[in-house]
């Protein structure tokens, strides 16, 4: 069974868009949250969640199974997905 993929991103971020496109091109099922489109308590809660994985709270933050990848890093993403 493929690992769970969660992406925390910003709707305006070019690296986030590239990451979404890359995951889609790899035909990987993933869930994403555009943090900048959230408001109030929901946004605060998601930012706390992101900080658990990535204390700098930068985007994109990709969680694949138990591996955390910060930034658009195709090779690391492929490796974590077992696509190498």
Protein backbone atom coordinates (compact mmCIF):
# COMPACT_ATOMS: atom_id res chain seq x y z
CA UNK A 1 0.00 0.00 0.00
CA UNK A 2 1.44 3.42 -0.94
CA UNK A 3 2.33 5.80 1.89
CA UNK A 4 -0.03 8.60 2.87
CA UNK A 5 0.96 11.91 1.30
CA UNK A 6 0.01 15.23 2.91
CA UNK A 7 1.12 18.55 1.47
CA UNK A 8 0.97 21.86 3.32
CA UNK A 9 1.24 24.69 0.82
CA UNK A 10 0.44 28.28 -0.05
CA UNK A 11 -1.88 28.96 -3.00
CA UNK A 12 0.46 31.66 -4.37
CA UNK A 13 3.77 29.78 -3.98
CA UNK A 14 5.48 28.63 -7.20
CA UNK A 15 7.38 25.84 -5.39
CA UNK A 16 4.09 24.61 -3.89
CA UNK A 17 2.45 24.60 -7.34
CA UNK A 18 5.42 22.70 -8.77
CA UNK A 19 5.16 20.13 -5.96
CA UNK A 20 1.42 19.60 -6.60
CA UNK A 21 2.09 19.20 -10.34
CA UNK A 22 4.94 16.76 -9.69
CA UNK A 23 2.79 14.61 -7.36
CA UNK A 24 -0.06 14.65 -9.90
CA UNK A 25 2.36 13.73 -12.73
CA UNK A 26 3.55 10.78 -10.61
CA UNK A 27 -0.10 9.74 -10.29
CA UNK A 28 0.17 9.90 -6.52
CA UNK A 29 -2.91 10.38 -4.40
CA UNK A 30 -2.26 13.21 -2.00
CA UNK A 31 -4.13 15.63 0.18
CA UNK A 32 -3.13 19.25 0.36
CA UNK A 33 -3.99 22.26 2.46
CA UNK A 34 -3.44 25.76 1.12
CA UNK A 35 -2.69 27.34 4.48
CA UNK A 36 -3.02 30.94 3.24
CA UNK A 37 -6.66 30.32 2.28
CA UNK A 38 -7.63 29.30 5.82
CA UNK A 39 -8.79 31.78 8.43
CA UNK A 40 -8.97 32.19 12.16
CA UNK A 41 -8.78 29.14 14.41
CA UNK A 42 -8.56 26.68 11.51
CA UNK A 43 -5.49 28.48 10.15
CA UNK A 44 -3.90 28.66 13.60
CA UNK A 45 -4.47 24.93 14.18
CA UNK A 46 -2.96 23.97 10.80
CA UNK A 47 0.09 26.19 11.40
CA UNK A 48 0.63 24.42 14.74
CA UNK A 49 0.38 21.10 12.87
CA UNK A 50 2.96 22.23 10.26
CA UNK A 51 5.35 23.37 13.03
CA UNK A 52 5.38 19.82 14.46
CA UNK A 53 6.88 18.60 11.17
CA UNK A 54 8.75 21.73 10.15
CA UNK A 55 9.59 24.16 13.00
CA UNK A 56 10.49 26.91 10.49
CA UNK A 57 6.96 26.64 9.10
CA UNK A 58 8.06 27.12 5.49
CA UNK A 59 6.30 25.84 2.40
CA UNK A 60 5.85 23.46 0.79
CA UNK A 61 6.03 20.94 3.61
CA UNK A 62 5.42 17.42 2.31
CA UNK A 63 4.77 14.48 4.63
CA UNK A 64 5.13 11.07 3.00
CA UNK A 65 4.51 8.29 5.49
CA UNK A 66 6.88 9.24 8.33
CA UNK A 67 9.28 11.27 6.16
CA UNK A 68 9.13 15.07 6.07
CA UNK A 69 10.42 16.95 3.03
CA UNK A 70 10.60 20.74 3.15
CA UNK A 71 10.72 22.49 -0.22
CA UNK A 72 10.34 21.25 -3.77
CA UNK A 73 12.80 18.37 -3.91
CA UNK A 74 11.85 15.96 -6.70
CA UNK A 75 14.51 13.37 -5.94
CA UNK A 76 13.67 13.19 -2.22
CA UNK A 77 9.95 12.98 -3.01
CA UNK A 78 10.54 10.16 -5.53
CA UNK A 79 12.68 8.29 -3.04
CA UNK A 80 10.10 8.65 -0.24
CA UNK A 81 7.39 7.41 -2.63
CA UNK A 82 9.54 4.46 -3.67
CA UNK A 83 9.64 5.62 -7.31
CA UNK A 84 13.42 5.35 -7.79
